[in-house]
Protein backbone atom coordinates (compact mmCIF):
# COMPACT_ATOMS: atom_id res chain seq x y z
CA MET A 1 -19.36 1.58 8.61
CA SER A 2 -23.07 2.46 8.58
CA ALA A 3 -25.16 3.13 5.49
CA VAL A 4 -24.93 6.90 6.02
CA ASP A 5 -21.14 7.10 6.36
CA PRO A 6 -19.37 8.43 3.27
CA PRO A 7 -16.87 6.10 1.63
CA ALA A 8 -13.33 6.33 3.00
CA GLY A 9 -11.33 9.14 1.44
CA THR A 10 -14.33 11.20 0.37
CA ARG A 11 -15.88 14.21 1.94
CA PRO A 12 -19.48 15.28 1.75
CA ARG A 13 -20.13 18.19 -0.58
CA ALA A 14 -20.32 21.59 1.03
CA PRO A 15 -23.75 23.12 0.96
CA LEU A 16 -24.24 26.25 -1.07
CA GLU A 17 -25.20 29.50 0.56
CA VAL A 18 -26.47 32.49 -1.36
CA GLU A 19 -26.13 35.76 0.52
CA PHE A 20 -27.67 38.98 -0.68
CA ALA A 21 -26.49 42.53 -0.07
CA ARG A 22 -28.41 45.53 -1.33
CA ILE A 23 -26.42 48.51 -2.41
CA PRO A 24 -28.20 51.47 -4.00
CA GLY A 25 -29.22 50.30 -7.46
CA THR A 26 -27.47 46.93 -7.09
CA LEU A 27 -28.01 43.50 -5.64
CA VAL A 28 -24.83 41.58 -4.83
CA CYS A 29 -25.47 37.83 -4.68
CA SER A 30 -22.56 36.01 -3.05
CA LEU A 31 -22.32 32.31 -3.84
CA ILE A 32 -20.53 30.38 -1.09
CA GLY A 33 -19.79 26.67 -1.49
CA ASP A 34 -20.30 24.13 -4.25
CA LEU A 35 -22.28 24.61 -7.45
CA ASP A 36 -23.28 21.03 -8.17
CA PRO A 37 -26.43 19.14 -9.21
CA ASP A 38 -27.67 19.06 -5.61
CA THR A 39 -27.23 22.77 -4.87
CA CYS A 40 -28.00 24.41 -8.20
CA PRO A 41 -31.82 24.11 -8.15
CA ASP A 42 -32.10 26.18 -4.97
CA ALA A 43 -29.49 28.63 -6.22
CA ARG A 44 -31.35 28.96 -9.53
CA ALA A 45 -34.58 29.83 -7.70
CA ALA A 46 -32.88 32.38 -5.43
CA LEU A 47 -30.96 34.05 -8.25
CA GLY A 48 -34.05 34.04 -10.46
CA ARG A 49 -35.97 35.94 -7.80
CA ALA A 50 -33.06 38.37 -7.51
CA VAL A 51 -33.10 39.12 -11.25
CA GLU A 52 -36.89 39.33 -11.38
CA ALA A 53 -36.81 41.98 -8.62
CA HIS A 54 -35.25 44.27 -11.26
CA PRO A 55 -32.47 45.89 -9.28
CA GLY A 56 -30.32 48.23 -11.35
CA VAL A 57 -27.51 45.64 -11.55
CA VAL A 58 -27.13 42.05 -10.33
CA CYS A 59 -23.60 41.07 -9.33
CA LEU A 60 -22.82 37.39 -8.80
CA ASP A 61 -19.89 37.31 -6.41
CA MET A 62 -18.07 34.04 -7.17
CA ARG A 63 -14.96 34.39 -4.97
CA ALA A 64 -16.15 31.80 -2.40
CA VAL A 65 -17.26 29.10 -4.85
CA THR A 66 -15.42 25.91 -3.90
CA PHE A 67 -16.59 23.69 -6.78
CA CYS A 68 -18.22 24.40 -10.12
CA GLY A 69 -18.95 21.76 -12.72
CA SER A 70 -21.36 21.54 -15.61
CA ALA A 71 -24.38 22.09 -13.34
CA GLY A 72 -22.82 25.33 -12.12
CA LEU A 73 -22.07 26.43 -15.67
CA ASN A 74 -25.66 25.70 -16.67
CA LEU A 75 -26.84 27.70 -13.65
CA LEU A 76 -24.76 30.70 -14.73
CA LEU A 77 -25.97 30.45 -18.32
CA GLY A 78 -29.60 30.22 -17.17
CA VAL A 79 -29.26 33.25 -14.91
CA ARG A 80 -27.61 35.13 -17.76
CA ALA A 81 -30.49 34.28 -20.12
CA LEU A 82 -33.06 35.38 -17.54
CA ALA A 83 -31.19 38.63 -16.88
CA GLU A 84 -31.03 39.33 -20.60
CA HIS A 85 -34.76 38.60 -20.95
CA GLU A 86 -35.59 40.86 -17.99
CA ARG A 87 -33.14 43.51 -19.24
CA VAL A 88 -31.21 43.48 -15.97
CA PRO A 89 -27.44 43.97 -16.27
CA LEU A 90 -25.56 40.97 -14.86
CA ALA A 91 -21.93 40.81 -13.79
CA LEU A 92 -19.75 38.00 -12.53
CA VAL A 93 -17.51 39.29 -9.78
CA ALA A 94 -14.17 37.83 -8.71
CA PRO A 95 -14.68 34.30 -10.04
CA CYS A 96 -12.44 31.80 -8.29
CA ARG A 97 -9.74 30.07 -10.34
CA GLN A 98 -11.90 26.99 -11.01
CA VAL A 99 -14.79 29.08 -12.34
CA GLU A 100 -12.41 31.14 -14.49
CA ARG A 101 -10.92 27.96 -15.93
CA LEU A 102 -14.34 26.43 -16.65
CA LEU A 103 -15.48 29.61 -18.40
CA LYS A 104 -12.30 29.67 -20.52
CA LEU A 105 -12.44 25.97 -21.41
CA THR A 106 -16.04 26.26 -22.58
CA ALA A 107 -15.57 29.69 -24.22
CA ALA A 108 -18.39 30.93 -21.99
CA GLU A 109 -16.23 33.74 -20.62
CA ARG A 110 -17.14 35.82 -23.68
CA LEU A 111 -20.81 35.63 -22.65
CA PHE A 112 -20.31 37.34 -19.30
CA LEU A 113 -19.15 40.69 -18.06
CA ILE A 114 -16.50 39.81 -15.47
CA TYR A 115 -15.15 42.25 -12.89
CA PRO A 116 -12.64 41.95 -10.05
CA HIS A 117 -14.88 43.97 -7.67
CA TYR A 118 -18.58 44.75 -7.61
CA GLU A 119 -17.84 48.49 -7.38
CA LEU A 120 -16.33 48.40 -10.87
CA ALA A 121 -19.33 46.49 -12.20
CA VAL A 122 -21.73 49.02 -10.69
CA ASP A 123 -19.71 51.94 -12.07
CA ASP A 124 -19.74 50.38 -15.54
CA LEU A 125 -23.20 48.80 -15.72
CA GLY A 126 -25.13 51.25 -13.59
CA HIS A 127 -24.69 53.96 -16.20
CA ARG A 128 -25.83 51.98 -19.25
């Protein structure tokens, strides 16, 4: 085994991709992969720029998140605080089971508007 091989039985963490889709009055930010201490700084910067662009609504599509720990929760809370400060409506869309469980365990689910589809979020938040 070389110094760069992962230990037996482990897998390297998946990188995180953030994809953006503009829909009239909305920016859908799809998070794909792991939200961990290594990936959250880049995600925080990308999502911060998205909020600061002041689209009508920012939707964080969470259906393809494969891991979310405390760093991911802190990322979500930070984006929420920025969105509130910038007065940009923020929605979590289709959080995967792990994200839902983390939000429930920490009682953070009450801090977010959560929707099964971005269309419902846009219908609700775009008219506020």
